[in-house]
Structure formats: structure tokens, C-alpha cells
Amino acid sequence: LQLVESGGGLVQPGGSLRLSCVASGYTLYYYAIGW
């Protein structure tokens, strides 16, 4: 199982951002995922 994050960056206070965690090599269904 490999995990790759994306979506980070610079944002102003009050703004929004969405991070993604994409899994490969194994189905993510069986796993709890923590940030």
C-alpha cells in the first residue's frame, strides 16, 4: 500500500483547501485513514 497526498498550498485566513490522499497497491476500503 502506498499513499500520496496532494492539495496543499498557500491560502489566506478564512479560506478553504481540500487535501486528497490517494492509495495504490491495495484497496483503501479495508483501512482507516487518519490525517
Full PDB file with SEQRES, HELIX, SHEET, SSBOND, CRYST1, ORIGX, SCALE, CONECT and MASTER records, all heavy atoms in Angstrom:
SEQRES   1 A   35  LEU GLN LEU VAL GLU SER GLY GLY GLY LEU VAL GLN PRO          
SEQRES   2 A   35  GLY GLY SER LEU ARG LEU SER CYS VAL ALA SER GLY TYR          
SEQRES   3 A   35  THR LEU TYR TYR TYR ALA ILE GLY TRP                          
HELIX    1 AA1 LEU A   28  TYR A   30  5                                   3    
SHEET    1 AA1 2 GLN A   2  SER A   6  0                                        
SHEET    2 AA1 2 SER A  20  SER A  24 -1                                        
CRYST1    1.000    1.000    1.000  90.00  90.00  90.00 P 1           1          
ORIGX1      1.000000  0.000000  0.000000        0.00000                         
ORIGX2      0.000000  1.000000  0.000000        0.00000                         
ORIGX3      0.000000  0.000000  1.000000        0.00000                         
SCALE1      1.000000  0.000000  0.000000        0.00000                         
SCALE2      0.000000  1.000000  0.000000        0.00000                         
SCALE3      0.000000  0.000000  1.000000        0.00000                         
ATOM      1  N   LEU A   1       0.839  -1.193   0.000  1.00  0.00           N  
ATOM      2  CA  LEU A   1       0.000   0.000   0.000  1.00  0.00           C  
ATOM      3  C   LEU A   1       0.878   1.250   0.000  1.00  0.00           C  
ATOM      4  O   LEU A   1       1.811   1.375   0.786  1.00  0.00           O  
ATOM      5  CB  LEU A   1      -0.906   0.018   1.224  1.00  0.00           C  
ATOM      6  CG  LEU A   1      -1.773   1.269   1.417  1.00  0.00           C  
ATOM      7  CD1 LEU A   1      -2.832   1.353   0.326  1.00  0.00           C  
ATOM      8  CD2 LEU A   1      -2.407   1.269   2.801  1.00  0.00           C  
ATOM      9  N   GLN A   2       0.554   2.174  -0.877  1.00  0.00           N  
ATOM     10  CA  GLN A   2       1.226   3.458  -0.943  1.00  0.00           C  
ATOM     11  C   GLN A   2       0.198   4.574  -0.893  1.00  0.00           C  
ATOM     12  O   GLN A   2      -0.887   4.451  -1.475  1.00  0.00           O  
ATOM     13  CB  GLN A   2       2.065   3.581  -2.213  1.00  0.00           C  
ATOM     14  CG  GLN A   2       3.253   2.636  -2.271  1.00  0.00           C  
ATOM     15  CD  GLN A   2       4.045   2.783  -3.540  1.00  0.00           C  
ATOM     16  OE1 GLN A   2       3.503   2.686  -4.640  1.00  0.00           O  
ATOM     17  NE2 GLN A   2       5.340   3.039  -3.396  1.00  0.00           N  
ATOM     18  N   LEU A   3       0.535   5.650  -0.202  1.00  0.00           N  
ATOM     19  CA  LEU A   3      -0.347   6.788  -0.058  1.00  0.00           C  
ATOM     20  C   LEU A   3       0.349   8.041  -0.567  1.00  0.00           C  
ATOM     21  O   LEU A   3       1.525   8.261  -0.280  1.00  0.00           O  
ATOM     22  CB  LEU A   3      -0.740   6.999   1.409  1.00  0.00           C  
ATOM     23  CG  LEU A   3      -1.418   5.830   2.125  1.00  0.00           C  
ATOM     24  CD1 LEU A   3      -1.619   6.167   3.596  1.00  0.00           C  
ATOM     25  CD2 LEU A   3      -2.754   5.511   1.469  1.00  0.00           C  
ATOM     26  N   VAL A   4      -0.380   8.855  -1.296  1.00  0.00           N  
ATOM     27  CA  VAL A   4       0.149  10.099  -1.828  1.00  0.00           C  
ATOM     28  C   VAL A   4      -0.833  11.220  -1.543  1.00  0.00           C  
ATOM     29  O   VAL A   4      -1.993  11.155  -1.961  1.00  0.00           O  
ATOM     30  CB  VAL A   4       0.413  10.008  -3.341  1.00  0.00           C  
ATOM     31  CG1 VAL A   4       0.918  11.355  -3.865  1.00  0.00           C  
ATOM     32  CG2 VAL A   4       1.433   8.921  -3.641  1.00  0.00           C  
ATOM     33  N   GLU A   5      -0.365  12.248  -0.842  1.00  0.00           N  
ATOM     34  CA  GLU A   5      -1.190  13.413  -0.543  1.00  0.00           C  
ATOM     35  C   GLU A   5      -1.004  14.483  -1.610  1.00  0.00           C  
ATOM     36  O   GLU A   5       0.056  14.586  -2.229  1.00  0.00           O  
ATOM     37  CB  GLU A   5      -0.834  14.019   0.821  1.00  0.00           C  
ATOM     38  CG  GLU A   5      -0.913  13.056   1.984  1.00  0.00           C  
ATOM     39  CD  GLU A   5       0.430  12.451   2.324  1.00  0.00           C  
ATOM     40  OE1 GLU A   5       1.302  12.344   1.425  1.00  0.00           O  
ATOM     41  OE2 GLU A   5       0.626  12.083   3.503  1.00  0.00           O  
ATOM     42  N   SER A   6      -2.032  15.286  -1.783  1.00  0.00           N  
ATOM     43  CA  SER A   6      -1.956  16.434  -2.669  1.00  0.00           C  
ATOM     44  C   SER A   6      -2.982  17.464  -2.215  1.00  0.00           C  
ATOM     45  O   SER A   6      -3.839  17.177  -1.384  1.00  0.00           O  
ATOM     46  CB  SER A   6      -2.203  16.038  -4.125  1.00  0.00           C  
ATOM     47  OG  SER A   6      -3.515  15.526  -4.306  1.00  0.00           O  
ATOM     48  N   GLY A   7      -2.890  18.657  -2.759  1.00  0.00           N  
ATOM     49  CA  GLY A   7      -3.865  19.697  -2.481  1.00  0.00           C  
ATOM     50  C   GLY A   7      -3.398  20.789  -1.547  1.00  0.00           C  
ATOM     51  O   GLY A   7      -4.135  21.754  -1.308  1.00  0.00           O  
ATOM     52  N   GLY A   8      -2.211  20.664  -1.005  1.00  0.00           N  
ATOM     53  CA  GLY A   8      -1.695  21.693  -0.135  1.00  0.00           C  
ATOM     54  C   GLY A   8      -1.335  22.946  -0.910  1.00  0.00           C  
ATOM     55  O   GLY A   8      -1.308  22.962  -2.137  1.00  0.00           O  
ATOM     56  N   GLY A   9      -1.071  24.008  -0.175  1.00  0.00           N  
ATOM     57  CA  GLY A   9      -0.712  25.258  -0.800  1.00  0.00           C  
ATOM     58  C   GLY A   9      -0.849  26.417   0.152  1.00  0.00           C  
ATOM     59  O   GLY A   9      -0.988  26.240   1.361  1.00  0.00           O  
ATOM     60  N   LEU A  10      -0.814  27.605  -0.405  1.00  0.00           N  
ATOM     61  CA  LEU A  10      -0.935  28.843   0.357  1.00  0.00           C  
ATOM     62  C   LEU A  10      -2.357  29.368   0.258  1.00  0.00           C  
ATOM     63  O   LEU A  10      -2.909  29.492  -0.846  1.00  0.00           O  
ATOM     64  CB  LEU A  10       0.051  29.886  -0.174  1.00  0.00           C  
ATOM     65  CG  LEU A  10      -0.015  31.277   0.442  1.00  0.00           C  
ATOM     66  CD1 LEU A  10       0.352  31.234   1.921  1.00  0.00           C  
ATOM     67  CD2 LEU A  10       0.906  32.219  -0.313  1.00  0.00           C  
ATOM     68  N   VAL A  11      -2.946  29.680   1.399  1.00  0.00           N  
ATOM     69  CA  VAL A  11      -4.306  30.193   1.436  1.00  0.00           C  
ATOM     70  C   VAL A  11      -4.404  31.278   2.504  1.00  0.00           C  
ATOM     71  O   VAL A  11      -3.685  31.239   3.506  1.00  0.00           O  
ATOM     72  CB  VAL A  11      -5.317  29.056   1.700  1.00  0.00           C  
ATOM     73  CG1 VAL A  11      -5.098  28.444   3.074  1.00  0.00           C  
ATOM     74  CG2 VAL A  11      -6.746  29.536   1.533  1.00  0.00           C  
ATOM     75  N   GLN A  12      -5.270  32.246   2.292  1.00  0.00           N  
ATOM     76  CA  GLN A  12      -5.467  33.312   3.267  1.00  0.00           C  
ATOM     77  C   GLN A  12      -6.338  32.847   4.425  1.00  0.00           C  
ATOM     78  O   GLN A  12      -7.141  31.925   4.271  1.00  0.00           O  
ATOM     79  CB  GLN A  12      -6.106  34.528   2.602  1.00  0.00           C  
ATOM     80  CG  GLN A  12      -5.225  35.208   1.570  1.00  0.00           C  
ATOM     81  CD  GLN A  12      -5.842  36.483   1.024  1.00  0.00           C  
ATOM     82  OE1 GLN A  12      -6.971  36.830   1.360  1.00  0.00           O  
ATOM     83  NE2 GLN A  12      -5.099  37.175   0.182  1.00  0.00           N  
ATOM     84  N   PRO A  13      -6.177  33.457   5.602  1.00  0.00           N  
ATOM     85  CA  PRO A  13      -7.068  33.120   6.721  1.00  0.00           C  
ATOM     86  C   PRO A  13      -8.525  33.239   6.310  1.00  0.00           C  
ATOM     87  O   PRO A  13      -8.919  34.192   5.631  1.00  0.00           O  
ATOM     88  CB  PRO A  13      -6.690  34.147   7.781  1.00  0.00           C  
ATOM     89  CG  PRO A  13      -5.269  34.487   7.483  1.00  0.00           C  
ATOM     90  CD  PRO A  13      -5.166  34.459   5.985  1.00  0.00           C  
ATOM     91  N   GLY A  14      -9.322  32.266   6.728  1.00  0.00           N  
ATOM     92  CA  GLY A  14     -10.719  32.218   6.344  1.00  0.00           C  
ATOM     93  C   GLY A  14     -10.976  31.469   5.062  1.00  0.00           C  
ATOM     94  O   GLY A  14     -12.146  31.192   4.732  1.00  0.00           O  
ATOM     95  N   GLY A  15      -9.930  31.129   4.352  1.00  0.00           N  
ATOM     96  CA  GLY A  15     -10.066  30.419   3.099  1.00  0.00           C  
ATOM     97  C   GLY A  15     -10.242  28.928   3.285  1.00  0.00           C  
ATOM     98  O   GLY A  15     -10.288  28.416   4.405  1.00  0.00           O  
ATOM     99  N   SER A  16     -10.325  28.228   2.162  1.00  0.00           N  
ATOM    100  CA  SER A  16     -10.568  26.797   2.165  1.00  0.00           C  
ATOM    101  C   SER A  16      -9.552  26.071   1.304  1.00  0.00           C  
ATOM    102  O   SER A  16      -8.977  26.641   0.367  1.00  0.00           O  
ATOM    103  CB  SER A  16     -11.976  26.483   1.644  1.00  0.00           C  
ATOM    104  OG  SER A  16     -12.971  27.046   2.466  1.00  0.00           O  
ATOM    105  N   LEU A  17      -9.363  24.815   1.622  1.00  0.00           N  
ATOM    106  CA  LEU A  17      -8.450  23.960   0.888  1.00  0.00           C  
ATOM    107  C   LEU A  17      -8.952  22.532   1.023  1.00  0.00           C  
ATOM    108  O   LEU A  17      -9.498  22.157   2.069  1.00  0.00           O  
ATOM    109  CB  LEU A  17      -7.043  24.089   1.461  1.00  0.00           C  
ATOM    110  CG  LEU A  17      -5.818  24.005   0.549  1.00  0.00           C  
ATOM    111  CD1 LEU A  17      -5.895  25.032  -0.572  1.00  0.00           C  
ATOM    112  CD2 LEU A  17      -4.552  24.225   1.362  1.00  0.00           C  
ATOM    113  N   ARG A  18      -8.790  21.740  -0.017  1.00  0.00           N  
ATOM    114  CA  ARG A  18      -9.148  20.329   0.053  1.00  0.00           C  
ATOM    115  C   ARG A  18      -7.936  19.467  -0.226  1.00  0.00           C  
ATOM    116  O   ARG A  18      -7.332  19.553  -1.301  1.00  0.00           O  
ATOM    117  CB  ARG A  18     -10.265  19.973  -0.937  1.00  0.00           C  
ATOM    118  CG  ARG A  18     -10.807  18.555  -0.722  1.00  0.00           C  
ATOM    119  CD  ARG A  18     -11.910  18.171  -1.690  1.00  0.00           C  
ATOM    120  NE  ARG A  18     -11.390  17.864  -3.018  1.00  0.00           N  
ATOM    121  CZ  ARG A  18     -12.055  17.164  -3.941  1.00  0.00           C  
ATOM    122  NH1 ARG A  18     -13.276  16.702  -3.670  1.00  0.00           N  
ATOM    123  NH2 ARG A  18     -11.505  16.945  -5.127  1.00  0.00           N  
ATOM    124  N   LEU A  19      -7.586  18.647   0.744  1.00  0.00           N  
ATOM    125  CA  LEU A  19      -6.486  17.719   0.598  1.00  0.00           C  
ATOM    126  C   LEU A  19      -7.002  16.364   0.125  1.00  0.00           C  
ATOM    127  O   LEU A  19      -8.102  15.953   0.482  1.00  0.00           O  
ATOM    128  CB  LEU A  19      -5.740  17.539   1.916  1.00  0.00           C  
ATOM    129  CG  LEU A  19      -5.220  18.811   2.600  1.00  0.00           C  
ATOM    130  CD1 LEU A  19      -4.436  18.433   3.848  1.00  0.00           C  
ATOM    131  CD2 LEU A  19      -4.368  19.640   1.649  1.00  0.00           C  
ATOM    132  N   SER A  20      -6.197  15.684  -0.664  1.00  0.00           N  
ATOM    133  CA  SER A  20      -6.527  14.351  -1.137  1.00  0.00           C  
ATOM    134  C   SER A  20      -5.451  13.366  -0.714  1.00  0.00           C  
ATOM    135  O   SER A  20      -4.272  13.707  -0.671  1.00  0.00           O  
ATOM    136  CB  SER A  20      -6.655  14.327  -2.662  1.00  0.00           C  
ATOM    137  OG  SER A  20      -7.702  15.161  -3.112  1.00  0.00           O  
ATOM    138  N   CYS A  21      -5.879  12.168  -0.399  1.00  0.00           N  
ATOM    139  CA  CYS A  21      -4.977  11.072  -0.074  1.00  0.00           C  
ATOM    140  C   CYS A  21      -5.359   9.910  -0.970  1.00  0.00           C  
ATOM    141  O   CYS A  21      -6.423   9.308  -0.794  1.00  0.00           O  
ATOM    142  CB  CYS A  21      -5.109  10.701   1.408  1.00  0.00           C  
ATOM    143  SG  CYS A  21      -4.132   9.279   1.928  1.00  0.00           S  
ATOM    144  N   VAL A  22      -4.515   9.611  -1.937  1.00  0.00           N  
ATOM    145  CA  VAL A  22      -4.804   8.581  -2.928  1.00  0.00           C  
ATOM    146  C   VAL A  22      -3.967   7.347  -2.639  1.00  0.00           C  
ATOM    147  O   VAL A  22      -2.744   7.441  -2.484  1.00  0.00           O  
ATOM    148  CB  VAL A  22      -4.528   9.086  -4.353  1.00  0.00           C  
ATOM    149  CG1 VAL A  22      -4.840   7.991  -5.369  1.00  0.00           C  
ATOM    150  CG2 VAL A  22      -5.353  10.326  -4.648  1.00  0.00           C  
ATOM    151  N   ALA A  23      -4.624   6.201  -2.590  1.00  0.00           N  
ATOM    152  CA  ALA A  23      -3.947   4.944  -2.307  1.00  0.00           C  
ATOM    153  C   ALA A  23      -3.716   4.154  -3.589  1.00  0.00           C  
ATOM    154  O   ALA A  23      -4.507   4.206  -4.528  1.00  0.00           O  
ATOM    155  CB  ALA A  23      -4.763   4.106  -1.332  1.00  0.00           C  
ATOM    156  N   SER A  24      -2.630   3.414  -3.604  1.00  0.00           N  
ATOM    157  CA  SER A  24      -2.340   2.500  -4.694  1.00  0.00           C  
ATOM    158  C   SER A  24      -1.736   1.229  -4.122  1.00  0.00           C  
ATOM    159  O   SER A  24      -1.208   1.224  -3.013  1.00  0.00           O  
ATOM    160  CB  SER A  24      -1.384   3.134  -5.714  1.00  0.00           C  
ATOM    161  OG  SER A  24      -0.130   3.442  -5.121  1.00  0.00           O  
ATOM    162  N   GLY A  25      -1.819   0.155  -4.881  1.00  0.00           N  
ATOM    163  CA  GLY A  25      -1.245  -1.114  -4.462  1.00  0.00           C  
ATOM    164  C   GLY A  25      -2.164  -1.980  -3.624  1.00  0.00           C  
ATOM    165  O   GLY A  25      -1.897  -3.176  -3.461  1.00  0.00           O  
ATOM    166  N   TYR A  26      -3.215  -1.405  -3.083  1.00  0.00           N  
ATOM    167  CA  TYR A  26      -4.168  -2.132  -2.266  1.00  0.00           C  
ATOM    168  C   TYR A  26      -5.425  -1.284  -2.129  1.00  0.00           C  
ATOM    169  O   TYR A  26      -5.346  -0.047  -2.112  1.00  0.00           O  
ATOM    170  CB  TYR A  26      -3.584  -2.449  -0.889  1.00  0.00           C  
ATOM    171  CG  TYR A  26      -4.288  -3.566  -0.155  1.00  0.00           C  
ATOM    172  CD1 TYR A  26      -3.965  -4.894  -0.405  1.00  0.00           C  
ATOM    173  CD2 TYR A  26      -5.263  -3.291   0.794  1.00  0.00           C  
ATOM    174  CE1 TYR A  26      -4.602  -5.917   0.268  1.00  0.00           C  
ATOM    175  CE2 TYR A  26      -5.908  -4.315   1.472  1.00  0.00           C  
ATOM    176  CZ  TYR A  26      -5.575  -5.623   1.211  1.00  0.00           C  
ATOM    177  OH  TYR A  26      -6.206  -6.638   1.885  1.00  0.00           O  
ATOM    178  N   THR A  27      -6.569  -1.938  -2.003  1.00  0.00           N  
ATOM    179  CA  THR A  27      -7.809  -1.183  -1.873  1.00  0.00           C  
ATOM    180  C   THR A  27      -7.861  -0.454  -0.543  1.00  0.00           C  
ATOM    181  O   THR A  27      -7.496  -0.985   0.502  1.00  0.00           O  
ATOM    182  CB  THR A  27      -9.031  -2.099  -2.007  1.00  0.00           C  
ATOM    183  OG1 THR A  27     -10.219  -1.330  -1.816  1.00  0.00           O  
ATOM    184  CG2 THR A  27      -8.992  -3.220  -0.977  1.00  0.00           C  
ATOM    185  N   LEU A  28      -8.314   0.786  -0.583  1.00  0.00           N  
ATOM    186  CA  LEU A  28      -8.413   1.601   0.612  1.00  0.00           C  
ATOM    187  C   LEU A  28      -9.603   1.219   1.476  1.00  0.00           C  
ATOM    188  O   LEU A  28      -9.695   1.638   2.627  1.00  0.00           O  
ATOM    189  CB  LEU A  28      -8.501   3.077   0.213  1.00  0.00           C  
ATOM    190  CG  LEU A  28      -7.981   4.120   1.192  1.00  0.00           C  
ATOM    191  CD1 LEU A  28      -6.523   3.883   1.514  1.00  0.00           C  
ATOM    192  CD2 LEU A  28      -8.186   5.517   0.613  1.00  0.00           C  
ATOM    193  N   TYR A  29     -10.501   0.412   0.932  1.00  0.00           N  
ATOM    194  CA  TYR A  29     -11.737   0.055   1.631  1.00  0.00           C  
ATOM    195  C   TYR A  29     -11.480  -0.496   3.031  1.00  0.00           C  
ATOM    196  O   TYR A  29     -12.216  -0.189   3.973  1.00  0.00           O  
ATOM    197  CB  TYR A  29     -12.517  -0.963   0.806  1.00  0.00           C  
ATOM    198  CG  TYR A  29     -13.701  -1.565   1.529  1.00  0.00           C  
ATOM    199  CD1 TYR A  29     -14.922  -0.902   1.579  1.00  0.00           C  
ATOM    200  CD2 TYR A  29     -13.593  -2.798   2.169  1.00  0.00           C  
ATOM    201  CE1 TYR A  29     -16.006  -1.450   2.237  1.00  0.00           C  
ATOM    202  CE2 TYR A  29     -14.679  -3.353   2.831  1.00  0.00           C  
ATOM    203  CZ  TYR A  29     -15.878  -2.675   2.856  1.00  0.00           C  
ATOM    204  OH  TYR A  29     -16.959  -3.226   3.517  1.00  0.00           O  
ATOM    205  N   TYR A  30     -10.455  -1.326   3.176  1.00  0.00           N  
ATOM    206  CA  TYR A  30     -10.219  -2.022   4.440  1.00  0.00           C  
ATOM    207  C   TYR A  30      -9.544  -1.160   5.502  1.00  0.00           C  
ATOM    208  O   TYR A  30      -9.494  -1.553   6.666  1.00  0.00           O  
ATOM    209  CB  TYR A  30      -9.369  -3.269   4.199  1.00  0.00           C  
ATOM    210  CG  TYR A  30     -10.083  -4.321   3.380  1.00  0.00           C  
ATOM    211  CD1 TYR A  30      -9.858  -4.439   2.010  1.00  0.00           C  
ATOM    212  CD2 TYR A  30     -10.988  -5.178   3.977  1.00  0.00           C  
ATOM    213  CE1 TYR A  30     -10.525  -5.396   1.253  1.00  0.00           C  
ATOM    214  CE2 TYR A  30     -11.656  -6.143   3.231  1.00  0.00           C  
ATOM    215  CZ  TYR A  30     -11.416  -6.243   1.877  1.00  0.00           C  
ATOM    216  OH  TYR A  30     -12.074  -7.194   1.133  1.00  0.00           O  
ATOM    217  N   TYR A  31      -9.062  -0.011   5.118  1.00  0.00           N  
ATOM    218  CA  TYR A  31      -8.244   0.791   6.017  1.00  0.00           C  
ATOM    219  C   TYR A  31      -8.982   1.972   6.609  1.00  0.00           C  
ATOM    220  O   TYR A  31      -9.764   2.652   5.936  1.00  0.00           O  
ATOM    221  CB  TYR A  31      -7.011   1.318   5.284  1.00  0.00           C  
ATOM    222  CG  TYR A  31      -5.961   0.275   5.019  1.00  0.00           C  
ATOM    223  CD1 TYR A  31      -5.939  -0.418   3.821  1.00  0.00           C  
ATOM    224  CD2 TYR A  31      -4.979  -0.001   5.966  1.00  0.00           C  
ATOM    225  CE1 TYR A  31      -4.977  -1.374   3.577  1.00  0.00           C  
ATOM    226  CE2 TYR A  31      -4.011  -0.953   5.721  1.00  0.00           C  
ATOM    227  CZ  TYR A  31      -4.013  -1.637   4.529  1.00  0.00           C  
ATOM    228  OH  TYR A  31      -3.058  -2.578   4.283  1.00  0.00           O  
ATOM    229  N   ALA A  32      -8.715   2.220   7.881  1.00  0.00           N  
ATOM    230  CA  ALA A  32      -8.996   3.520   8.454  1.00  0.00           C  
ATOM    231  C   ALA A  32      -7.916   4.487   7.974  1.00  0.00           C  
ATOM    232  O   ALA A  32      -6.745   4.115   7.888  1.00  0.00           O  
ATOM    233  CB  ALA A  32      -9.002   3.448   9.980  1.00  0.00           C  
ATOM    234  N   ILE A  33      -8.314   5.696   7.655  1.00  0.00           N  
ATOM    235  CA  ILE A  33      -7.369   6.695   7.177  1.00  0.00           C  
ATOM    236  C   ILE A  33      -7.391   7.899   8.108  1.00  0.00           C  
ATOM    237  O   ILE A  33      -8.445   8.503   8.326  1.00  0.00           O  
ATOM    238  CB  ILE A  33      -7.678   7.152   5.744  1.00  0.00           C  
ATOM    239  CG1 ILE A  33      -7.637   5.956   4.783  1.00  0.00           C  
ATOM    240  CG2 ILE A  33      -6.692   8.234   5.298  1.00  0.00           C  
ATOM    241  CD1 ILE A  33      -6.266   5.308   4.661  1.00  0.00           C  
ATOM    242  N   GLY A  34      -6.237   8.207   8.645  1.00  0.00           N  
ATOM    243  CA  GLY A  34      -6.103   9.361   9.517  1.00  0.00           C  
ATOM    244  C   GLY A  34      -5.304  10.463   8.851  1.00  0.00           C  
ATOM    245  O   GLY A  34      -4.413  10.202   8.039  1.00  0.00           O  
ATOM    246  N   TRP A  35      -5.647  11.685   9.191  1.00  0.00           N  
ATOM    247  CA  TRP A  35      -4.866  12.859   8.787  1.00  0.00           C  
ATOM    248  C   TRP A  35      -4.140  13.394  10.002  1.00  0.00           C  
ATOM    249  O   TRP A  35      -4.746  13.575  11.070  1.00  0.00           O  
ATOM    250  CB  TRP A  35      -5.749  13.949   8.192  1.00  0.00           C  
ATOM    251  CG  TRP A  35      -6.206  13.692   6.791  1.00  0.00           C  
ATOM    252  CD1 TRP A  35      -7.398  13.169   6.392  1.00  0.00           C  
ATOM    253  CD2 TRP A  35      -5.472  13.960   5.596  1.00  0.00           C  
ATOM    254  NE1 TRP A  35      -7.453  13.096   5.023  1.00  0.00           N  
ATOM    255  CE2 TRP A  35      -6.286  13.570   4.509  1.00  0.00           C  
ATOM    256  CE3 TRP A  35      -4.205  14.492   5.335  1.00  0.00           C  
ATOM    257  CZ2 TRP A  35      -5.869  13.700   3.178  1.00  0.00           C  
ATOM    258  CZ3 TRP A  35      -3.789  14.611   4.017  1.00  0.00           C  
ATOM    259  CH2 TRP A  35      -4.625  14.219   2.962  1.00  0.00           C  
TER     260      TRP A  35                                                      
MASTER        0    0    0    1    2    0    0    6  259    1    0    3          
END                                                                             
